[in-house]
């Protein structure tokens, strides 16, 4: 197992979670899906019926809330919200439409970033999200920014939701992702942007294996060359 931290950022549907999970498996690292942590809090807000346009109501979710990430089968994450497994629930389309509103709240981000930095404090982590390389782990040994065209990302997310049994359509999914892009890139606190030292990978015309291969090859080459 390598004692390194890898930060992977990018917009929704670019394939960063799929890549991060497999890279962690191949390099013997722990995979942390930070987006799932925000999704869990969003799911709690939906259950409580809060007004997501009100900052105070979003901030109220952080009180008496415990979010735990545990390793599941095949290197996936199991997400526990207040000791309840919500791994499946947080992928509901309703969460997709609200999670960016939760993620841009400063109090929420402070809580999450603190937890994420503690998880990575001893190294050996692959962490993906939207501000990992710029804000959560600015000192990460490796940084990647994965992107793809809006159309390709919407198609991937649509097929994923269909496979999970959710009722939706491609046009609606693309609209949701476009809105999330706008909120994520324009928020004042830790916006979605590639770190200056991140390696940019456009996955629009690449297979999953091609993306993962590029990243693993780069990491191993740097380690073997002693450049980290």
Protein backbone atom coordinates (compact mmCIF):
# COMPACT_ATOMS: atom_id res chain seq x y z
CA UNK A 1 0.00 0.00 0.00
CA UNK A 2 1.28 3.44 -0.95
CA UNK A 3 1.15 6.16 1.70
CA UNK A 4 -0.05 8.85 -0.68
CA UNK A 5 -3.10 11.05 -1.08
CA UNK A 6 -4.77 11.48 -4.46
CA UNK A 7 -7.29 14.26 -5.12
CA UNK A 8 -9.75 13.88 -7.99
CA UNK A 9 -12.12 16.71 -8.89
CA UNK A 10 -14.61 17.36 -11.64
CA UNK A 11 -18.25 18.12 -12.48
CA UNK A 12 -21.20 15.77 -12.09
CA UNK A 13 -21.22 12.75 -14.40
CA UNK A 14 -17.60 13.08 -15.55
CA UNK A 15 -16.71 9.65 -14.16
CA UNK A 16 -14.51 10.73 -11.27
CA UNK A 17 -16.11 8.44 -8.68
CA UNK A 18 -15.80 5.39 -10.92
CA UNK A 19 -12.15 6.22 -11.60
CA UNK A 20 -11.36 7.03 -7.97
CA UNK A 21 -12.85 3.80 -6.70
CA UNK A 22 -10.88 1.65 -9.14
CA UNK A 23 -7.63 3.56 -8.63
CA UNK A 24 -7.94 3.08 -4.88
CA UNK A 25 -8.45 -0.65 -5.42
CA UNK A 26 -5.44 -1.00 -7.74
CA UNK A 27 -3.10 1.01 -5.53
CA UNK A 28 -4.30 -0.36 -2.20
CA UNK A 29 -5.69 2.97 -1.00
CA UNK A 30 -8.87 3.94 0.84
CA UNK A 31 -11.56 5.51 -1.35
CA UNK A 32 -13.59 8.44 0.00
CA UNK A 33 -16.53 9.81 -2.00
CA UNK A 34 -16.94 13.28 -0.49
CA UNK A 35 -19.97 14.02 -2.65
CA UNK A 36 -21.80 11.18 -0.93
CA UNK A 37 -21.28 12.94 2.40
CA UNK A 38 -23.05 16.05 1.10
CA UNK A 39 -25.73 13.85 -0.43
CA UNK A 40 -26.40 12.25 2.94
CA UNK A 41 -26.99 15.62 4.54
CA UNK A 42 -29.24 16.61 1.63
CA UNK A 43 -31.26 13.42 2.06
CA UNK A 44 -31.77 14.32 5.72
CA UNK A 45 -33.05 17.74 4.64
CA UNK A 46 -35.52 16.16 2.23
CA UNK A 47 -36.82 13.86 4.95
CA UNK A 48 -37.20 16.79 7.34
CA UNK A 49 -38.94 18.88 4.66
CA UNK A 50 -36.65 21.89 5.02
CA UNK A 51 -36.67 24.91 2.73
CA UNK A 52 -33.43 24.54 0.76
CA UNK A 53 -33.53 28.23 -0.17
CA UNK A 54 -33.03 29.17 3.47
CA UNK A 55 -29.43 29.00 4.74
CA UNK A 56 -30.49 28.66 8.37
CA UNK A 57 -32.59 25.61 7.62
CA UNK A 58 -29.70 23.99 5.75
CA UNK A 59 -27.33 24.81 8.61
CA UNK A 60 -29.73 23.22 11.08
CA UNK A 61 -28.94 19.86 9.44
CA UNK A 62 -25.41 19.91 10.87
CA UNK A 63 -26.68 19.75 14.45
CA UNK A 64 -26.62 16.29 16.00
CA UNK A 65 -25.69 14.74 12.65
CA UNK A 66 -23.17 11.92 12.35
CA UNK A 67 -21.95 10.82 8.91
CA UNK A 68 -19.73 7.76 8.64
CA UNK A 69 -18.06 6.32 5.55
CA UNK A 70 -17.27 2.62 5.64
CA UNK A 71 -15.75 0.30 3.05
CA UNK A 72 -18.24 -1.87 1.21
CA UNK A 73 -17.96 -4.69 -1.32
CA UNK A 74 -15.65 -4.09 -4.28
CA UNK A 75 -14.09 -1.03 -2.68
CA UNK A 76 -17.33 0.96 -2.74
CA UNK A 77 -18.42 3.22 0.09
CA UNK A 78 -21.26 2.55 2.50
CA UNK A 79 -22.73 5.79 3.78
CA UNK A 80 -24.26 5.93 7.25
CA UNK A 81 -26.35 8.91 8.33
CA UNK A 82 -27.03 8.93 12.06
CA UNK A 83 -26.23 5.19 12.11
CA UNK A 84 -28.65 4.41 9.26
CA UNK A 85 -27.37 3.04 5.93
CA UNK A 86 -28.49 5.54 3.26
CA UNK A 87 -26.13 4.39 0.50
CA UNK A 88 -29.00 3.78 -1.95
CA UNK A 89 -31.23 6.65 -0.88
CA UNK A 90 -28.65 9.37 -1.54
CA UNK A 91 -28.68 8.53 -5.27
CA UNK A 92 -32.32 9.58 -5.63
CA UNK A 93 -32.84 12.26 -8.34
CA UNK A 94 -34.40 14.52 -5.71
CA UNK A 95 -31.01 14.62 -3.97
CA UNK A 96 -29.30 15.53 -7.25
CA UNK A 97 -31.47 18.62 -7.53
CA UNK A 98 -30.72 19.93 -4.02
CA UNK A 99 -27.21 18.77 -3.12
CA UNK A 100 -25.41 21.77 -4.64
CA UNK A 101 -27.50 24.11 -2.48
CA UNK A 102 -26.34 22.23 0.59
CA UNK A 103 -22.71 21.99 -0.56
CA UNK A 104 -22.32 25.74 -1.05
CA UNK A 105 -23.34 26.53 2.55
CA UNK A 106 -20.28 27.71 4.51
CA UNK A 107 -21.21 26.04 7.79
CA UNK A 108 -21.85 22.73 6.05
CA UNK A 109 -18.56 22.93 4.17
CA UNK A 110 -16.61 23.71 7.32
CA UNK A 111 -18.06 20.61 8.96
CA UNK A 112 -17.41 18.37 5.96
CA UNK A 113 -13.92 19.63 5.13
CA UNK A 114 -12.83 19.11 8.73
CA UNK A 115 -14.02 15.50 8.63
CA UNK A 116 -12.44 14.87 5.22
CA UNK A 117 -9.08 16.29 6.23
CA UNK A 118 -9.07 14.15 9.37
CA UNK A 119 -9.74 11.04 7.27
CA UNK A 120 -6.79 11.84 5.00
CA UNK A 121 -4.41 13.01 7.73
CA UNK A 122 -2.44 9.76 7.77
CA UNK A 123 -2.28 9.35 3.98
CA UNK A 124 -3.32 6.40 1.86
CA UNK A 125 -6.50 8.00 0.50
CA UNK A 126 -8.12 8.62 -2.89
CA UNK A 127 -10.68 11.37 -2.42
CA UNK A 128 -13.00 12.72 -5.09
CA UNK A 129 -15.25 15.75 -5.11
CA UNK A 130 -15.34 19.30 -6.42
CA UNK A 131 -12.76 21.14 -4.33
CA UNK A 132 -10.43 18.41 -3.09
CA UNK A 133 -7.27 19.58 -4.84
CA UNK A 134 -7.94 23.26 -4.22
CA UNK A 135 -9.43 23.30 -0.73
CA UNK A 136 -9.69 19.98 1.11
CA UNK A 137 -6.30 18.47 0.24
CA UNK A 138 -4.26 21.25 -1.42
CA UNK A 139 -1.10 19.35 -0.50
CA UNK A 140 -2.19 16.06 -2.10
CA UNK A 141 0.59 14.09 -3.76
CA UNK A 142 -1.42 13.77 -6.98
CA UNK A 143 -4.24 15.90 -8.36
CA UNK A 144 -6.50 15.12 -11.30
CA UNK A 145 -9.39 17.07 -12.78
CA UNK A 146 -11.78 14.88 -14.77
CA UNK A 147 -14.32 16.39 -17.11
CA UNK A 148 -16.49 15.58 -20.14
CA UNK A 149 -19.04 17.35 -22.34
CA UNK A 150 -22.40 18.20 -20.78
CA UNK A 151 -24.17 15.91 -23.25
CA UNK A 152 -21.94 12.95 -22.43
CA UNK A 153 -22.23 13.48 -18.70
CA UNK A 154 -26.02 13.70 -18.89
CA UNK A 155 -26.19 10.49 -20.93
CA UNK A 156 -24.05 8.62 -18.40
CA UNK A 157 -26.08 9.86 -15.43
CA UNK A 158 -29.37 9.07 -17.20
CA UNK A 159 -28.30 5.46 -17.88
CA UNK A 160 -27.08 5.13 -14.30
CA UNK A 161 -30.41 6.33 -12.90
CA UNK A 162 -32.37 4.03 -15.21
CA UNK A 163 -30.29 1.07 -14.09
CA UNK A 164 -31.06 1.97 -10.48
CA UNK A 165 -34.78 2.00 -11.27
CA UNK A 166 -35.41 5.75 -11.09
CA UNK A 167 -38.01 7.29 -13.38
CA UNK A 168 -36.52 10.21 -15.33
CA UNK A 169 -35.64 11.36 -18.85
CA UNK A 170 -32.48 12.54 -20.56
CA UNK A 171 -33.63 16.14 -20.99
CA UNK A 172 -34.45 16.47 -17.29
CA UNK A 173 -31.12 14.94 -16.26
CA UNK A 174 -29.17 17.30 -18.54
CA UNK A 175 -31.05 20.28 -17.13
CA UNK A 176 -30.28 19.18 -13.56
CA UNK A 177 -26.57 18.69 -14.31
CA UNK A 178 -26.33 22.06 -16.07
CA UNK A 179 -27.85 23.76 -13.03
CA UNK A 180 -25.46 21.92 -10.69
CA UNK A 181 -22.53 23.04 -12.85
CA UNK A 182 -23.66 26.65 -12.56
CA UNK A 183 -24.08 26.52 -8.79
CA UNK A 184 -20.82 24.63 -8.23
CA UNK A 185 -18.66 26.88 -10.41
CA UNK A 186 -20.19 30.18 -9.30
CA UNK A 187 -20.40 29.65 -5.54
CA UNK A 188 -18.22 32.02 -3.52
CA UNK A 189 -16.84 29.36 -1.19
CA UNK A 190 -14.51 26.74 -2.72
CA UNK A 191 -15.98 26.75 -6.25
CA UNK A 192 -15.49 23.91 -8.70
CA UNK A 193 -12.23 24.69 -10.49
CA UNK A 194 -9.16 22.71 -11.47
CA UNK A 195 -6.15 23.18 -9.20
CA UNK A 196 -3.24 24.83 -11.01
CA UNK A 197 -1.13 21.69 -10.60
CA UNK A 198 -3.89 19.22 -11.49
CA UNK A 199 -3.70 16.96 -14.53
CA UNK A 200 -6.74 17.55 -16.76
CA UNK A 201 -8.40 14.49 -18.32
CA UNK A 202 -11.33 14.87 -20.73
CA UNK A 203 -13.22 11.58 -20.63
CA UNK A 204 -15.79 12.38 -23.34
CA UNK A 205 -14.28 9.97 -25.86
CA UNK A 206 -12.39 7.69 -23.47
CA UNK A 207 -13.41 4.35 -22.01
CA UNK A 208 -13.36 3.87 -18.25
CA UNK A 209 -10.29 1.64 -18.57
CA UNK A 210 -8.46 4.26 -20.64
CA UNK A 211 -9.08 6.92 -18.01
CA UNK A 212 -8.02 4.70 -15.12
CA UNK A 213 -4.99 3.45 -17.04
CA UNK A 214 -3.73 6.98 -17.66
CA UNK A 215 -4.04 7.92 -14.00
CA UNK A 216 -2.53 4.77 -12.53
CA UNK A 217 0.36 4.86 -15.01
CA UNK A 218 1.17 8.45 -14.05
CA UNK A 219 1.07 7.74 -10.32
CA UNK A 220 3.25 4.65 -10.55
CA UNK A 221 5.75 6.38 -12.86
CA UNK A 222 6.16 9.27 -10.40
CA UNK A 223 6.57 6.92 -7.46
CA UNK A 224 9.16 4.81 -9.27
CA UNK A 225 11.03 7.95 -10.32
CA UNK A 226 11.05 9.12 -6.71
CA UNK A 227 9.46 12.44 -7.66
CA UNK A 228 7.12 12.55 -4.66
